[in-house]
Structure formats: structure tokens, C-alpha cells
Amino acid sequence: MRNARREVHHRVKNHLQLVASIMNIQARKSESEEVKQAFRENIARVLSIASINEILTANDEGPAPLMPFLEKLKNQFLLLYGGGMSHRVKAFRR
């Protein structure tokens, strides 16, 4: 069962990466800056979903760690929006 679950998650990761790559190709072909920006935003969304999938599947037992996900999400936002946002991520522990 565990191997089948890993295989499914691996396929999900590959398919999400494929979707992001296809959108990137289409963005590069476009001459419109608005279209390119829309593609960049959608690519960031797809890669965020891929990050969530990766983090949720990395640990078979117990809760998924939050900080690695937040760091990846922050880095993807920085790539998408540049330096126009705060670069600090804090996690509060109970």
C-alpha cells in the first residue's frame, strides 16, 4: 500500500511539473505582457500545489512540517512578485 501511495504522489508531482512547463512555454510565446503575467501567476499556483503535495507525502507518519512549506511558498512568491513584498516568514509554536 505504501509503495502504491508513493507512486501516486510521484505521478502527481510529475504531472504538476508538466503543467507548469507547458504554461511556461506558452508564456514565452506570448507577446502580451498581461498574458505573460497571468501565466506566471498560474505557474506559481501550480508549483505551490506541487510543494504542498511534496511536503504532505515526505513524512509517512505524523504531521507534516509547516516551516519547509512556508519557506518554499515564500520563495515562490518572491520569484513571482520580486522584492516588492516582505521576506520574513515566522511560525508560531504552541
C-alpha atoms as a PDB file:
ATOM      1  CA  MET A   1       0.000   0.000   0.000  1.00  0.00           C
ATOM      2  CA  ARG A   2       2.782   2.432   0.910  1.00  0.00           C
ATOM      3  CA  ASN A   3       4.550   1.870  -2.433  1.00  0.00           C
ATOM      4  CA  ALA A   4       1.333   2.473  -4.360  1.00  0.00           C
ATOM      5  CA  ARG A   5       0.765   5.704  -2.445  1.00  0.00           C
ATOM      6  CA  ARG A   6       4.300   6.896  -3.175  1.00  0.00           C
ATOM      7  CA  GLU A   7       3.841   6.082  -6.858  1.00  0.00           C
ATOM      8  CA  VAL A   8       0.621   8.109  -6.982  1.00  0.00           C
ATOM      9  CA  HIS A   9       2.279  11.082  -5.295  1.00  0.00           C
ATOM     10  CA  HIS A  10       5.262  10.820  -7.646  1.00  0.00           C
ATOM     11  CA  ARG A  11       2.930  10.865 -10.655  1.00  0.00           C
ATOM     12  CA  VAL A  12       1.027  13.844  -9.253  1.00  0.00           C
ATOM     13  CA  LYS A  13       4.319  15.714  -8.808  1.00  0.00           C
ATOM     14  CA  ASN A  14       5.411  14.912 -12.372  1.00  0.00           C
ATOM     15  CA  HIS A  15       2.070  15.924 -13.871  1.00  0.00           C
ATOM     16  CA  LEU A  16       2.019  19.228 -11.990  1.00  0.00           C
ATOM     17  CA  GLN A  17       5.558  19.954 -13.175  1.00  0.00           C
ATOM     18  CA  LEU A  18       4.473  19.139 -16.739  1.00  0.00           C
ATOM     19  CA  VAL A  19       1.518  21.541 -16.491  1.00  0.00           C
ATOM     20  CA  ALA A  20       3.816  24.302 -15.184  1.00  0.00           C
ATOM     21  CA  SER A  21       6.304  23.655 -18.001  1.00  0.00           C
ATOM     22  CA  ILE A  22       3.613  23.820 -20.684  1.00  0.00           C
ATOM     23  CA  MET A  23       2.328  27.099 -19.253  1.00  0.00           C
ATOM     24  CA  ASN A  24       5.886  28.449 -19.222  1.00  0.00           C
ATOM     25  CA  ILE A  25       6.304  27.585 -22.903  1.00  0.00           C
ATOM     26  CA  GLN A  26       3.023  29.305 -23.735  1.00  0.00           C
ATOM     27  CA  ALA A  27       4.018  32.371 -21.711  1.00  0.00           C
ATOM     28  CA  ARG A  28       7.281  32.685 -23.629  1.00  0.00           C
ATOM     29  CA  LYS A  29       5.419  32.532 -26.948  1.00  0.00           C
ATOM     30  CA  SER A  30       3.064  35.349 -25.993  1.00  0.00           C
ATOM     31  CA  GLU A  31       3.853  38.922 -26.921  1.00  0.00           C
ATOM     32  CA  SER A  32       1.414  40.390 -24.403  1.00  0.00           C
ATOM     33  CA  GLU A  33       2.921  41.308 -21.039  1.00  0.00           C
ATOM     34  CA  GLU A  34      -0.502  40.841 -19.399  1.00  0.00           C
ATOM     35  CA  VAL A  35      -0.740  37.295 -20.730  1.00  0.00           C
ATOM     36  CA  LYS A  36       2.803  36.540 -19.580  1.00  0.00           C
ATOM     37  CA  GLN A  37       1.985  37.817 -16.087  1.00  0.00           C
ATOM     38  CA  ALA A  38      -1.194  35.733 -15.963  1.00  0.00           C
ATOM     39  CA  PHE A  39       0.812  32.642 -16.908  1.00  0.00           C
ATOM     40  CA  ARG A  40       3.465  33.426 -14.257  1.00  0.00           C
ATOM     41  CA  GLU A  41       0.767  33.689 -11.599  1.00  0.00           C
ATOM     42  CA  ASN A  42      -0.814  30.409 -12.667  1.00  0.00           C
ATOM     43  CA  ILE A  43       2.571  28.684 -12.786  1.00  0.00           C
ATOM     44  CA  ALA A  44       3.184  29.848  -9.209  1.00  0.00           C
ATOM     45  CA  ARG A  45      -0.184  28.381  -8.189  1.00  0.00           C
ATOM     46  CA  VAL A  46       0.598  25.027  -9.783  1.00  0.00           C
ATOM     47  CA  LEU A  47       4.056  24.932  -8.184  1.00  0.00           C
ATOM     48  CA  SER A  48       2.508  25.778  -4.816  1.00  0.00           C
ATOM     49  CA  ILE A  49       0.188  22.799  -5.172  1.00  0.00           C
ATOM     50  CA  ALA A  50       3.212  20.658  -6.067  1.00  0.00           C
ATOM     51  CA  SER A  51       5.016  21.924  -2.940  1.00  0.00           C
ATOM     52  CA  ILE A  52       2.066  21.031  -0.747  1.00  0.00           C
ATOM     53  CA  ASN A  53       1.944  17.570  -2.304  1.00  0.00           C
ATOM     54  CA  GLU A  54       5.683  17.096  -1.748  1.00  0.00           C
ATOM     55  CA  ILE A  55       5.562  18.136   1.892  1.00  0.00           C
ATOM     56  CA  LEU A  56       2.463  16.101   2.684  1.00  0.00           C
ATOM     57  CA  THR A  57       3.993  12.988   1.165  1.00  0.00           C
ATOM     58  CA  ALA A  58       7.521  13.414   2.564  1.00  0.00           C
ATOM     59  CA  ASN A  59       6.523  12.222   6.013  1.00  0.00           C
ATOM     60  CA  ASP A  60       4.511   8.990   6.004  1.00  0.00           C
ATOM     61  CA  GLU A  61       3.960   9.153   9.731  1.00  0.00           C
ATOM     62  CA  GLY A  62       2.852  12.047  11.846  1.00  0.00           C
ATOM     63  CA  PRO A  63       2.011  15.635  10.942  1.00  0.00           C
ATOM     64  CA  ALA A  64       3.642  17.390   8.026  1.00  0.00           C
ATOM     65  CA  PRO A  65       6.214  20.033   8.974  1.00  0.00           C
ATOM     66  CA  LEU A  66       4.921  23.545   8.314  1.00  0.00           C
ATOM     67  CA  MET A  67       8.152  25.555   8.045  1.00  0.00           C
ATOM     68  CA  PRO A  68       9.531  23.871   4.898  1.00  0.00           C
ATOM     69  CA  PHE A  69       6.229  24.524   3.147  1.00  0.00           C
ATOM     70  CA  LEU A  70       6.162  28.167   4.245  1.00  0.00           C
ATOM     71  CA  GLU A  71       9.751  28.691   3.105  1.00  0.00           C
ATOM     72  CA  LYS A  72       9.017  27.196  -0.325  1.00  0.00           C
ATOM     73  CA  LEU A  73       5.849  29.241  -0.633  1.00  0.00           C
ATOM     74  CA  LYS A  74       7.732  32.416   0.323  1.00  0.00           C
ATOM     75  CA  ASN A  75      10.425  31.714  -2.267  1.00  0.00           C
ATOM     76  CA  GLN A  76       7.832  31.136  -4.970  1.00  0.00           C
ATOM     77  CA  PHE A  77       6.133  34.438  -4.114  1.00  0.00           C
ATOM     78  CA  LEU A  78       9.490  36.210  -4.262  1.00  0.00           C
ATOM     79  CA  LEU A  79      10.149  34.730  -7.694  1.00  0.00           C
ATOM     80  CA  LEU A  80       6.705  35.762  -8.872  1.00  0.00           C
ATOM     81  CA  TYR A  81       6.464  39.230  -7.355  1.00  0.00           C
ATOM     82  CA  GLY A  82      10.119  40.155  -6.883  1.00  0.00           C
ATOM     83  CA  GLY A  83      11.306  42.215  -3.961  1.00  0.00           C
ATOM     84  CA  GLY A  84       8.019  44.044  -3.514  1.00  0.00           C
ATOM     85  CA  MET A  85       6.991  42.011  -0.501  1.00  0.00           C
ATOM     86  CA  SER A  86       8.295  41.209   2.951  1.00  0.00           C
ATOM     87  CA  HIS A  87      10.919  38.472   3.014  1.00  0.00           C
ATOM     88  CA  ARG A  88      10.265  37.327   6.543  1.00  0.00           C
ATOM     89  CA  VAL A  89       8.373  34.178   7.489  1.00  0.00           C
ATOM     90  CA  LYS A  90       7.543  33.475  11.098  1.00  0.00           C
ATOM     91  CA  ALA A  91       5.976  30.370  12.562  1.00  0.00           C
ATOM     92  CA  PHE A  92       4.413  30.394  15.978  1.00  0.00           C
ATOM     93  CA  ARG A  93       4.707  27.307  18.124  1.00  0.00           C
ATOM     94  CA  ARG A  94       2.356  26.261  20.853  1.00  0.00           C
END
